[in-house]
Amino acid sequence: MLHESIAQALNQQIALEGQSSHTYLTMAVWAETSGFDGVAEFLYAHSEEERQHMLKLMRFVNERGGVAEVPTVEAGPTSYEGLKEVFESILAHETKVTESINHVVDACLQAKDYTTHNFMQWYVSEQIEEEGLARKILDKLALAGNDQGALYLFDRDILSFDQEGHSGN
């Protein structure tokens, strides 16, 4: 049985993962309607991945005797000045998710819930990858600058960035 404080922390994480999925989704729509089809595909895939992260947490909570709460999500920004702003927003958001996961891990240690602590280690590792990928993409965008040809190639090649070092769900 989950300790009440752990169930509450996990449900907050569930809400954040749901918000992450929605955030990536709104970014994907912007990218797609701005002519960045590769970036849109990347973001749609990440939206689904975040949804899977949410479902994994929900099932864990339910299996451990808690009750997962289905989150209500809000629409995030729907327009951006450019790709740099999109990926800066992603890095800021993923940093927030990492802080939240660290809070859950800390709560697990305080409650001596080593089962949940062990389960959360997957999320800790995933966040290292998520933040690293966002930084890598920002580095590539810095190289491209405002060169339209470079941005075209970036858009075409972005899916290969993800495959090089990101494991997914």
Protein backbone atom coordinates (compact mmCIF):
# COMPACT_ATOMS: atom_id res chain seq x y z
CA MET A 1 0.00 0.00 0.00
CA LEU A 2 1.29 3.41 -0.95
CA HIS A 3 1.87 5.92 1.80
CA GLU A 4 -0.55 8.84 1.33
CA SER A 5 2.29 11.35 0.83
CA ILE A 6 3.82 9.16 -1.88
CA ALA A 7 0.48 8.69 -3.64
CA GLN A 8 0.01 12.46 -3.60
CA ALA A 9 3.53 13.09 -4.98
CA LEU A 10 3.01 10.49 -7.71
CA ASN A 11 -0.34 11.99 -8.69
CA GLN A 12 1.33 15.40 -8.97
CA GLN A 13 3.93 13.78 -11.22
CA ILE A 14 1.15 12.18 -13.27
CA ALA A 15 -0.36 15.64 -13.78
CA LEU A 16 3.01 17.05 -14.84
CA GLU A 17 3.60 14.21 -17.33
CA GLY A 18 0.13 14.84 -18.77
CA GLN A 19 0.93 18.53 -19.06
CA SER A 20 4.22 17.62 -20.73
CA SER A 21 2.38 15.58 -23.34
CA HIS A 22 0.01 18.45 -24.00
CA THR A 23 2.84 20.99 -24.15
CA TYR A 24 4.68 18.95 -26.78
CA LEU A 25 1.39 18.60 -28.67
CA THR A 26 0.79 22.36 -28.87
CA MET A 27 4.39 22.83 -30.00
CA ALA A 28 3.92 20.16 -32.67
CA VAL A 29 0.89 21.97 -34.05
CA TRP A 30 2.85 25.22 -34.22
CA ALA A 31 5.78 23.49 -35.95
CA GLU A 32 3.56 21.72 -38.45
CA THR A 33 1.67 24.87 -39.39
CA SER A 34 4.96 26.79 -39.64
CA GLY A 35 6.42 24.42 -42.22
CA PHE A 36 8.69 22.44 -39.91
CA ASP A 37 7.39 18.96 -40.67
CA GLY A 38 10.42 17.16 -39.19
CA VAL A 39 10.21 19.12 -35.95
CA ALA A 40 6.45 18.48 -35.85
CA GLU A 41 7.00 14.73 -36.19
CA PHE A 42 9.64 14.87 -33.43
CA LEU A 43 7.26 16.77 -31.14
CA TYR A 44 4.24 14.56 -31.88
CA ALA A 45 6.38 11.54 -30.98
CA HIS A 46 7.53 13.18 -27.77
CA SER A 47 3.97 14.08 -26.88
CA GLU A 48 3.06 10.40 -27.12
CA GLU A 49 6.14 9.42 -25.14
CA GLU A 50 5.16 11.78 -22.32
CA ARG A 51 1.67 10.30 -22.35
CA GLN A 52 3.23 6.85 -21.95
CA HIS A 53 5.27 8.15 -19.00
CA MET A 54 2.02 9.34 -17.43
CA LEU A 55 0.31 5.98 -18.00
CA LYS A 56 3.25 4.08 -16.53
CA LEU A 57 2.94 6.15 -13.35
CA MET A 58 -0.83 5.72 -13.25
CA ARG A 59 -0.59 1.96 -13.49
CA PHE A 60 2.09 1.87 -10.80
CA VAL A 61 -0.06 3.90 -8.42
CA ASN A 62 -3.06 1.66 -9.03
CA GLU A 63 -1.03 -1.56 -8.67
CA ARG A 64 0.35 -0.36 -5.36
CA GLY A 65 -3.07 0.21 -3.84
CA GLY A 66 -3.40 3.90 -4.58
CA VAL A 67 -5.77 5.61 -6.96
CA ALA A 68 -4.28 7.42 -9.92
CA GLU A 69 -5.89 10.72 -10.72
CA VAL A 70 -6.60 11.58 -14.34
CA PRO A 71 -5.14 15.06 -14.76
CA THR A 72 -6.77 18.09 -16.25
CA VAL A 73 -4.33 19.83 -18.54
CA GLU A 74 -4.27 23.39 -19.80
CA ALA A 75 -3.33 24.59 -23.24
CA GLY A 76 0.15 25.99 -23.30
CA PRO A 77 1.49 28.61 -25.66
CA THR A 78 0.35 28.05 -29.22
CA SER A 79 2.76 30.36 -31.04
CA TYR A 80 6.51 30.82 -30.94
CA GLU A 81 8.99 33.25 -32.45
CA GLY A 82 10.99 30.35 -33.87
CA LEU A 83 12.57 26.98 -33.24
CA LYS A 84 15.03 28.35 -30.69
CA GLU A 85 12.16 29.53 -28.49
CA VAL A 86 10.44 26.14 -28.82
CA PHE A 87 13.49 24.22 -27.68
CA GLU A 88 14.40 26.71 -24.96
CA SER A 89 10.87 26.17 -23.64
CA ILE A 90 11.37 22.42 -23.83
CA LEU A 91 14.61 22.59 -21.86
CA ALA A 92 13.00 24.80 -19.20
CA HIS A 93 10.04 22.43 -18.97
CA GLU A 94 12.20 19.30 -18.77
CA THR A 95 14.26 20.94 -16.01
CA LYS A 96 11.00 21.51 -14.11
CA VAL A 97 10.06 17.84 -14.64
CA THR A 98 13.47 16.77 -13.31
CA GLU A 99 12.97 18.86 -10.17
CA SER A 100 9.56 17.26 -9.67
CA ILE A 101 10.96 13.75 -10.09
CA ASN A 102 13.70 14.55 -7.61
CA HIS A 103 11.00 15.67 -5.17
CA VAL A 104 9.21 12.32 -5.56
CA VAL A 105 12.47 10.42 -5.05
CA ASP A 106 13.23 12.46 -1.93
CA ALA A 107 9.72 11.81 -0.58
CA CYS A 108 10.25 8.08 -1.18
CA LEU A 109 13.46 8.11 0.82
CA GLN A 110 11.87 10.05 3.66
CA ALA A 111 8.94 7.61 3.79
CA LYS A 112 11.32 4.64 3.39
CA ASP A 113 9.33 3.54 0.35
CA TYR A 114 12.15 1.77 -1.43
CA THR A 115 9.84 0.06 -3.91
CA THR A 116 8.65 3.37 -5.32
CA HIS A 117 12.18 4.76 -5.06
CA ASN A 118 13.39 1.89 -7.24
CA PHE A 119 10.54 2.44 -9.72
CA MET A 120 11.40 6.16 -9.97
CA GLN A 121 14.99 5.49 -10.97
CA TRP A 122 13.82 4.89 -14.52
CA TYR A 123 12.40 8.43 -14.55
CA VAL A 124 15.64 9.83 -13.12
CA SER A 125 17.60 8.25 -15.99
CA GLU A 126 15.00 9.34 -18.55
CA GLN A 127 15.32 12.95 -17.44
CA ILE A 128 19.08 12.90 -17.94
CA GLU A 129 18.37 11.89 -21.54
CA GLU A 130 15.55 14.41 -22.00
CA GLU A 131 17.59 17.37 -20.80
CA GLY A 132 20.65 16.21 -22.73
CA LEU A 133 18.65 15.93 -25.94
CA ALA A 134 17.17 19.42 -25.51
CA ARG A 135 20.66 20.87 -24.95
CA LYS A 136 22.02 19.01 -27.97
CA ILE A 137 19.24 20.38 -30.15
CA LEU A 138 19.81 23.92 -28.86
CA ASP A 139 23.50 23.54 -29.74
CA LYS A 140 22.54 22.50 -33.28
CA LEU A 141 20.17 25.46 -33.58
CA ALA A 142 22.92 27.81 -32.41
CA LEU A 143 25.13 26.47 -35.20
CA ALA A 144 22.33 27.03 -37.73
CA GLY A 145 21.64 30.56 -36.56
CA ASN A 146 19.20 32.30 -38.90
CA ASP A 147 20.48 30.53 -42.00
CA GLN A 148 17.34 29.28 -43.74
CA GLY A 149 19.23 26.48 -45.51
CA ALA A 150 20.68 25.28 -42.21
CA LEU A 151 17.23 25.38 -40.59
CA TYR A 152 15.85 23.36 -43.50
CA LEU A 153 18.54 20.72 -42.91
CA PHE A 154 17.92 20.84 -39.16
CA ASP A 155 14.21 20.20 -39.75
CA ARG A 156 15.01 17.35 -42.11
CA ASP A 157 17.52 15.73 -39.75
CA ILE A 158 15.98 16.26 -36.30
CA LEU A 159 14.58 12.73 -36.04
CA SER A 160 18.12 11.36 -36.29
CA PHE A 161 19.15 13.45 -33.25
CA ASP A 162 16.54 11.63 -31.21
CA GLN A 163 17.60 8.17 -32.40
CA GLU A 164 21.26 8.74 -31.54
CA GLY A 165 20.91 8.90 -27.80
CA HIS A 166 17.36 8.65 -26.57
CA SER A 167 15.79 5.40 -25.53
CA GLY A 168 12.14 6.47 -25.40
CA ASN A 169 9.64 4.80 -23.12
